[in-house]
Amino acid sequence: MNELIQFAQGNLLLSAAWVVVAVLLAFTQIRHMASAPKSVSTQTLTNMVNRDDAVVIDVRAKADFGKGHIHGAINIPLSTVKDRVDDLEKYKNTPIIMVCANGISVAAACNTLKKSGMQQVHKLAGGMGSWVGDNLPVVK
């Protein structure tokens, strides 16, 4: 530890640069975590739909949606989410759960909805893969 202090004192510019990089990295991580949508499990999704009248939005392509989706889900392909925000305005005060194939590609769509004023936007952890993996029913 004493050597670290001596090194920092002998290399002030290098040490200061390291501290700046560490602070910026921490700030970026905290900011990313704050803007990331909350992930919900398949059980939580079911509870939110049944108790809170949550809306499920499936952002997969129409062909994938047609192969099987969660009952009551609305299909809005990922590439059209920005154009269809006005269609979702009626759900502004309703919990919205976004679903994609694997739970990864839906984050941008969640952020788009949050920026448009929708506060209760979530994503299904693991996407349809987790839904099917939990042997939950799909509608074709």
Protein backbone atom coordinates (compact mmCIF):
# COMPACT_ATOMS: atom_id res chain seq x y z
CA MET A 1 0.00 0.00 0.00
CA ASN A 2 2.86 2.33 0.80
CA GLU A 3 4.28 1.72 -2.69
CA LEU A 4 0.96 2.66 -4.26
CA ILE A 5 0.93 5.96 -2.40
CA GLN A 6 4.51 6.68 -3.44
CA PHE A 7 3.67 5.85 -7.06
CA ALA A 8 0.62 8.17 -6.98
CA GLN A 9 2.69 10.98 -5.51
CA GLY A 10 5.44 10.50 -8.08
CA ASN A 11 3.04 10.31 -11.03
CA LEU A 12 0.35 12.87 -10.29
CA LEU A 13 -0.87 13.28 -13.87
CA LEU A 14 -1.16 9.56 -14.44
CA SER A 15 -2.92 9.09 -11.10
CA ALA A 16 -5.32 11.96 -11.79
CA ALA A 17 -6.13 10.54 -15.22
CA TRP A 18 -6.84 7.15 -13.67
CA VAL A 19 -9.20 8.71 -11.11
CA VAL A 20 -11.05 10.64 -13.85
CA VAL A 21 -11.47 7.47 -15.95
CA ALA A 22 -12.73 5.52 -12.91
CA VAL A 23 -15.27 8.22 -12.02
CA LEU A 24 -16.52 8.46 -15.62
CA LEU A 25 -16.86 4.69 -15.83
CA ALA A 26 -18.82 4.58 -12.58
CA PHE A 27 -21.06 7.44 -13.74
CA THR A 28 -21.75 5.68 -17.05
CA GLN A 29 -22.63 2.42 -15.30
CA ILE A 30 -24.99 4.13 -12.84
CA ARG A 31 -26.66 6.10 -15.63
CA HIS A 32 -27.10 2.94 -17.72
CA MET A 33 -28.60 1.05 -14.79
CA ALA A 34 -31.05 3.88 -14.10
CA SER A 35 -32.27 3.97 -17.71
CA ALA A 36 -32.42 0.21 -18.20
CA PRO A 37 -35.94 -1.22 -18.15
CA LYS A 38 -36.90 -3.38 -15.21
CA SER A 39 -36.90 -7.08 -16.04
CA VAL A 40 -39.83 -9.17 -14.90
CA SER A 41 -40.12 -12.94 -14.69
CA THR A 42 -42.76 -15.01 -16.43
CA GLN A 43 -44.60 -15.36 -13.10
CA THR A 44 -44.53 -11.61 -12.53
CA LEU A 45 -45.79 -11.01 -16.06
CA THR A 46 -48.73 -13.34 -15.43
CA ASN A 47 -49.51 -11.61 -12.13
CA MET A 48 -49.30 -8.14 -13.68
CA VAL A 49 -51.64 -9.10 -16.51
CA ASN A 50 -54.16 -10.70 -14.15
CA ARG A 51 -54.05 -8.13 -11.34
CA ASP A 52 -53.00 -4.86 -12.97
CA ASP A 53 -54.38 -5.33 -16.50
CA ALA A 54 -50.85 -5.01 -17.86
CA VAL A 55 -50.43 -4.90 -21.63
CA VAL A 56 -48.01 -7.27 -23.34
CA ILE A 57 -46.31 -5.93 -26.45
CA ASP A 58 -44.42 -8.43 -28.58
CA VAL A 59 -41.76 -6.76 -30.74
CA ARG A 60 -40.81 -9.82 -32.76
CA ALA A 61 -41.42 -9.98 -36.51
CA LYS A 62 -44.95 -10.87 -37.62
CA ALA A 63 -43.81 -14.29 -38.81
CA ASP A 64 -42.33 -15.14 -35.39
CA PHE A 65 -45.39 -13.70 -33.65
CA GLY A 66 -47.61 -15.94 -35.78
CA LYS A 67 -45.68 -19.05 -34.73
CA GLY A 68 -46.69 -18.48 -31.12
CA HIS A 69 -47.18 -15.59 -28.71
CA ILE A 70 -48.50 -14.79 -25.26
CA HIS A 71 -52.28 -14.63 -25.11
CA GLY A 72 -53.50 -11.05 -25.58
CA ALA A 73 -50.12 -9.74 -26.75
CA ILE A 74 -50.06 -6.88 -29.24
CA ASN A 75 -47.57 -7.30 -32.08
CA ILE A 76 -45.56 -4.19 -32.86
CA PRO A 77 -42.38 -5.19 -34.69
CA LEU A 78 -39.24 -3.64 -33.23
CA SER A 79 -38.56 -1.59 -36.36
CA THR A 80 -41.96 0.14 -36.07
CA VAL A 81 -42.08 0.94 -32.34
CA LYS A 82 -41.04 4.60 -32.82
CA ASP A 83 -43.74 5.08 -35.45
CA ARG A 84 -46.45 3.49 -33.31
CA VAL A 85 -45.89 5.29 -30.00
CA ASP A 86 -49.06 7.32 -30.55
CA ASP A 87 -51.05 4.07 -30.84
CA LEU A 88 -49.88 3.14 -27.34
CA GLU A 89 -50.80 6.47 -25.76
CA LYS A 90 -53.97 4.93 -24.31
CA TYR A 91 -51.75 2.65 -22.18
CA LYS A 92 -49.79 5.54 -20.66
CA ASN A 93 -50.97 4.75 -17.10
CA THR A 94 -51.00 0.98 -17.56
CA PRO A 95 -48.09 -1.38 -16.93
CA ILE A 96 -46.53 -2.36 -20.26
CA ILE A 97 -44.40 -5.48 -20.63
CA MET A 98 -42.26 -5.66 -23.74
CA VAL A 99 -41.37 -9.09 -25.13
CA CYS A 100 -38.79 -10.10 -27.73
CA ALA A 101 -37.21 -13.42 -28.62
CA ASN A 102 -34.52 -13.44 -25.94
CA GLY A 103 -35.01 -10.40 -23.68
CA ILE A 104 -32.06 -8.47 -25.08
CA SER A 105 -33.20 -6.57 -28.15
CA VAL A 106 -36.23 -5.01 -26.48
CA ALA A 107 -34.31 -2.51 -24.31
CA ALA A 108 -34.24 0.20 -26.99
CA ALA A 109 -37.99 -0.12 -27.51
CA CYS A 110 -38.54 0.19 -23.75
CA ASN A 111 -36.47 3.36 -23.67
CA THR A 112 -38.45 4.77 -26.62
CA LEU A 113 -41.70 4.27 -24.70
CA LYS A 114 -40.23 5.75 -21.50
CA LYS A 115 -39.10 8.84 -23.40
CA SER A 116 -42.62 9.27 -24.73
CA GLY A 117 -43.93 9.53 -21.16
CA MET A 118 -44.89 5.97 -20.29
CA GLN A 119 -43.64 5.28 -16.79
CA GLN A 120 -44.46 1.60 -16.18
CA VAL A 121 -42.45 -0.07 -18.93
CA HIS A 122 -40.89 -3.47 -18.22
CA LYS A 123 -39.29 -6.24 -20.24
CA LEU A 124 -39.75 -9.97 -19.95
CA ALA A 125 -36.47 -11.46 -18.72
CA GLY A 126 -35.37 -14.04 -21.27
CA GLY A 127 -38.12 -13.04 -23.71
CA MET A 128 -40.28 -15.66 -25.38
CA GLY A 129 -37.48 -18.16 -24.81
CA SER A 130 -38.13 -18.06 -21.08
CA TRP A 131 -41.90 -18.14 -21.59
CA VAL A 132 -41.70 -21.27 -23.73
CA GLY A 133 -38.97 -22.71 -21.47
CA ASP A 134 -41.35 -22.44 -18.51
CA ASN A 135 -43.94 -24.43 -20.50
CA LEU A 136 -46.42 -21.56 -20.45
CA PRO A 137 -49.17 -21.46 -23.09
CA VAL A 138 -48.76 -19.74 -26.43
CA VAL A 139 -51.42 -18.74 -28.93
CA LYS A 140 -50.92 -19.25 -32.66
